[in-house]
Amino acid sequence: MPTGLLPDDPVILVVVLVLLALVFFLYLLLRRTVLEFRDGMRGK
């Protein structure tokens, strides 16, 4: 009996959670790099 959003297979759920965590980490890393680059361009 499918629940709709959540798959029955827990492995799929773990893979999705890992992908979301990876995307979030990459977003934070990219944002920090862009902010540091902008500060460097301003001559700080």
PDB file of N, CA and C in Angstrom:
ATOM      1  N   MET A   1       0.856  -1.206   0.000  1.00  0.00           N
ATOM      2  CA  MET A   1       0.000   0.000   0.000  1.00  0.00           C
ATOM      3  C   MET A   1       0.890   1.254   0.000  1.00  0.00           C
ATOM      4  N   PRO A   2       0.981   1.936  -1.109  1.00  0.00           N
ATOM      5  CA  PRO A   2       1.856   3.114  -1.179  1.00  0.00           C
ATOM      6  C   PRO A   2       1.284   4.280  -0.393  1.00  0.00           C
ATOM      7  N   THR A   3       2.177   5.031   0.228  1.00  0.00           N
ATOM      8  CA  THR A   3       1.749   6.164   1.045  1.00  0.00           C
ATOM      9  C   THR A   3       1.701   7.450   0.236  1.00  0.00           C
ATOM     10  N   GLY A   4       2.202   7.431  -0.989  1.00  0.00           N
ATOM     11  CA  GLY A   4       2.155   8.631  -1.824  1.00  0.00           C
ATOM     12  C   GLY A   4       3.526   9.266  -1.955  1.00  0.00           C
ATOM     13  N   LEU A   5       3.899  10.073  -0.956  1.00  0.00           N
ATOM     14  CA  LEU A   5       5.190  10.767  -1.045  1.00  0.00           C
ATOM     15  C   LEU A   5       6.342   9.844  -0.663  1.00  0.00           C
ATOM     16  N   LEU A   6       6.193   9.106   0.435  1.00  0.00           N
ATOM     17  CA  LEU A   6       7.284   8.264   0.899  1.00  0.00           C
ATOM     18  C   LEU A   6       7.254   6.904   0.220  1.00  0.00           C
ATOM     19  N   PRO A   7       8.383   6.473  -0.353  1.00  0.00           N
ATOM     20  CA  PRO A   7       8.433   5.137  -0.959  1.00  0.00           C
ATOM     21  C   PRO A   7       8.465   4.057   0.106  1.00  0.00           C
ATOM     22  N   ASP A   8       8.073   2.843  -0.292  1.00  0.00           N
ATOM     23  CA  ASP A   8       8.067   1.735   0.664  1.00  0.00           C
ATOM     24  C   ASP A   8       9.479   1.262   0.969  1.00  0.00           C
ATOM     25  N   ASP A   9      10.381   1.418  -0.009  1.00  0.00           N
ATOM     26  CA  ASP A   9      11.751   0.954   0.166  1.00  0.00           C
ATOM     27  C   ASP A   9      12.549   1.969   0.981  1.00  0.00           C
ATOM     28  N   PRO A  10      13.061   1.574   2.147  1.00  0.00           N
ATOM     29  CA  PRO A  10      13.818   2.528   2.978  1.00  0.00           C
ATOM     30  C   PRO A  10      15.135   2.945   2.330  1.00  0.00           C
ATOM     31  N   VAL A  11      15.668   2.119   1.422  1.00  0.00           N
ATOM     32  CA  VAL A  11      16.934   2.459   0.765  1.00  0.00           C
ATOM     33  C   VAL A  11      16.756   3.703  -0.092  1.00  0.00           C
ATOM     34  N   ILE A  12      15.611   3.800  -0.775  1.00  0.00           N
ATOM     35  CA  ILE A  12      15.344   4.978  -1.608  1.00  0.00           C
ATOM     36  C   ILE A  12      15.270   6.220  -0.725  1.00  0.00           C
ATOM     37  N   LEU A  13      14.650   6.070   0.437  1.00  0.00           N
ATOM     38  CA  LEU A  13      14.522   7.207   1.359  1.00  0.00           C
ATOM     39  C   LEU A  13      15.902   7.677   1.816  1.00  0.00           C
ATOM     40  N   VAL A  14      16.794   6.731   2.129  1.00  0.00           N
ATOM     41  CA  VAL A  14      18.149   7.083   2.571  1.00  0.00           C
ATOM     42  C   VAL A  14      18.905   7.782   1.447  1.00  0.00           C
ATOM     43  N   VAL A  15      18.760   7.285   0.223  1.00  0.00           N
ATOM     44  CA  VAL A  15      19.452   7.904  -0.914  1.00  0.00           C
ATOM     45  C   VAL A  15      18.960   9.330  -1.121  1.00  0.00           C
ATOM     46  N   VAL A  16      17.651   9.534  -1.012  1.00  0.00           N
ATOM     47  CA  VAL A  16      17.089  10.875  -1.190  1.00  0.00           C
ATOM     48  C   VAL A  16      17.596  11.815  -0.098  1.00  0.00           C
ATOM     49  N   LEU A  17      17.659  11.325   1.132  1.00  0.00           N
ATOM     50  CA  LEU A  17      18.143  12.167   2.237  1.00  0.00           C
ATOM     51  C   LEU A  17      19.610  12.536   2.037  1.00  0.00           C
ATOM     52  N   VAL A  18      20.408  11.576   1.578  1.00  0.00           N
ATOM     53  CA  VAL A  18      21.836  11.852   1.343  1.00  0.00           C
ATOM     54  C   VAL A  18      21.991  12.875   0.223  1.00  0.00           C
ATOM     55  N   LEU A  19      21.193  12.751  -0.820  1.00  0.00           N
ATOM     56  CA  LEU A  19      21.271  13.704  -1.933  1.00  0.00           C
ATOM     57  C   LEU A  19      20.872  15.093  -1.468  1.00  0.00           C
ATOM     58  N   LEU A  20      19.831  15.184  -0.654  1.00  0.00           N
ATOM     59  CA  LEU A  20      19.405  16.489  -0.148  1.00  0.00           C
ATOM     60  C   LEU A  20      20.491  17.110   0.727  1.00  0.00           C
ATOM     61  N   ALA A  21      21.122  16.307   1.561  1.00  0.00           N
ATOM     62  CA  ALA A  21      22.187  16.819   2.427  1.00  0.00           C
ATOM     63  C   ALA A  21      23.368  17.288   1.581  1.00  0.00           C
ATOM     64  N   LEU A  22      23.674  16.554   0.518  1.00  0.00           N
ATOM     65  CA  LEU A  22      24.791  16.920  -0.353  1.00  0.00           C
ATOM     66  C   LEU A  22      24.502  18.222  -1.084  1.00  0.00           C
ATOM     67  N   VAL A  23      23.273  18.369  -1.571  1.00  0.00           N
ATOM     68  CA  VAL A  23      22.894  19.599  -2.262  1.00  0.00           C
ATOM     69  C   VAL A  23      22.958  20.789  -1.299  1.00  0.00           C
ATOM     70  N   PHE A  24      22.488  20.589  -0.077  1.00  0.00           N
ATOM     71  CA  PHE A  24      22.505  21.667   0.911  1.00  0.00           C
ATOM     72  C   PHE A  24      23.940  22.069   1.244  1.00  0.00           C
ATOM     73  N   PHE A  25      24.824  21.063   1.396  1.00  0.00           N
ATOM     74  CA  PHE A  25      26.226  21.344   1.710  1.00  0.00           C
ATOM     75  C   PHE A  25      26.897  22.087   0.559  1.00  0.00           C
ATOM     76  N   LEU A  26      26.610  21.657  -0.671  1.00  0.00           N
ATOM     77  CA  LEU A  26      27.197  22.339  -1.832  1.00  0.00           C
ATOM     78  C   LEU A  26      26.691  23.770  -1.926  1.00  0.00           C
ATOM     79  N   TYR A  27      25.414  23.979  -1.586  1.00  0.00           N
ATOM     80  CA  TYR A  27      24.847  25.335  -1.629  1.00  0.00           C
ATOM     81  C   TYR A  27      25.555  26.247  -0.625  1.00  0.00           C
ATOM     82  N   LEU A  28      25.775  25.732   0.598  1.00  0.00           N
ATOM     83  CA  LEU A  28      26.462  26.542   1.610  1.00  0.00           C
ATOM     84  C   LEU A  28      27.892  26.837   1.186  1.00  0.00           C
ATOM     85  N   LEU A  29      28.574  25.832   0.638  1.00  0.00           N
ATOM     86  CA  LEU A  29      29.961  26.015   0.220  1.00  0.00           C
ATOM     87  C   LEU A  29      30.043  27.032  -0.916  1.00  0.00           C
ATOM     88  N   LEU A  30      29.142  26.920  -1.864  1.00  0.00           N
ATOM     89  CA  LEU A  30      29.142  27.836  -3.010  1.00  0.00           C
ATOM     90  C   LEU A  30      28.826  29.256  -2.562  1.00  0.00           C
ATOM     91  N   ARG A  31      27.866  29.403  -1.651  1.00  0.00           N
ATOM     92  CA  ARG A  31      27.498  30.734  -1.187  1.00  0.00           C
ATOM     93  C   ARG A  31      28.661  31.385  -0.437  1.00  0.00           C
ATOM     94  N   ARG A  32      29.355  30.588   0.384  1.00  0.00           N
ATOM     95  CA  ARG A  32      30.491  31.134   1.122  1.00  0.00           C
ATOM     96  C   ARG A  32      31.605  31.544   0.162  1.00  0.00           C
ATOM     97  N   THR A  33      31.839  30.732  -0.868  1.00  0.00           N
ATOM     98  CA  THR A  33      32.889  31.040  -1.839  1.00  0.00           C
ATOM     99  C   THR A  33      32.542  32.309  -2.610  1.00  0.00           C
ATOM    100  N   VAL A  34      31.282  32.463  -2.995  1.00  0.00           N
ATOM    101  CA  VAL A  34      30.862  33.653  -3.743  1.00  0.00           C
ATOM    102  C   VAL A  34      30.992  34.898  -2.872  1.00  0.00           C
ATOM    103  N   LEU A  35      30.627  34.780  -1.598  1.00  0.00           N
ATOM    104  CA  LEU A  35      30.733  35.943  -0.703  1.00  0.00           C
ATOM    105  C   LEU A  35      32.198  36.334  -0.508  1.00  0.00           C
ATOM    106  N   GLU A  36      33.073  35.346  -0.323  1.00  0.00           N
ATOM    107  CA  GLU A  36      34.492  35.651  -0.151  1.00  0.00           C
ATOM    108  C   GLU A  36      35.063  36.247  -1.430  1.00  0.00           C
ATOM    109  N   PHE A  37      34.621  35.761  -2.574  1.00  0.00           N
ATOM    110  CA  PHE A  37      35.107  36.282  -3.852  1.00  0.00           C
ATOM    111  C   PHE A  37      34.668  37.730  -4.036  1.00  0.00           C
ATOM    112  N   ARG A  38      33.419  38.007  -3.638  1.00  0.00           N
ATOM    113  CA  ARG A  38      32.918  39.379  -3.760  1.00  0.00           C
ATOM    114  C   ARG A  38      33.693  40.321  -2.835  1.00  0.00           C
ATOM    115  N   ASP A  39      33.994  39.852  -1.625  1.00  0.00           N
ATOM    116  CA  ASP A  39      34.771  40.687  -0.700  1.00  0.00           C
ATOM    117  C   ASP A  39      36.168  40.929  -1.265  1.00  0.00           C
ATOM    118  N   GLY A  40      36.741  39.924  -1.910  1.00  0.00           N
ATOM    119  CA  GLY A  40      38.058  40.078  -2.506  1.00  0.00           C
ATOM    120  C   GLY A  40      38.029  41.068  -3.665  1.00  0.00           C
ATOM    121  N   MET A  41      36.954  41.066  -4.433  1.00  0.00           N
ATOM    122  CA  MET A  41      36.852  41.989  -5.558  1.00  0.00           C
ATOM    123  C   MET A  41      36.714  43.433  -5.066  1.00  0.00           C
ATOM    124  N   ARG A  42      36.094  43.601  -3.895  1.00  0.00           N
ATOM    125  CA  ARG A  42      35.924  44.952  -3.365  1.00  0.00           C
ATOM    126  C   ARG A  42      37.237  45.523  -2.826  1.00  0.00           C
ATOM    127  N   GLY A  43      38.255  44.667  -2.690  1.00  0.00           N
ATOM    128  CA  GLY A  43      39.542  45.142  -2.211  1.00  0.00           C
ATOM    129  C   GLY A  43      39.621  45.116  -0.699  1.00  0.00           C
ATOM    130  N   LYS A  44      38.867  44.207  -0.086  1.00  0.00           N
ATOM    131  CA  LYS A  44      38.870  44.116   1.382  1.00  0.00           C
ATOM    132  C   LYS A  44      40.143  43.418   1.847  1.00  0.00           C
TER     133      LYS A  44
END
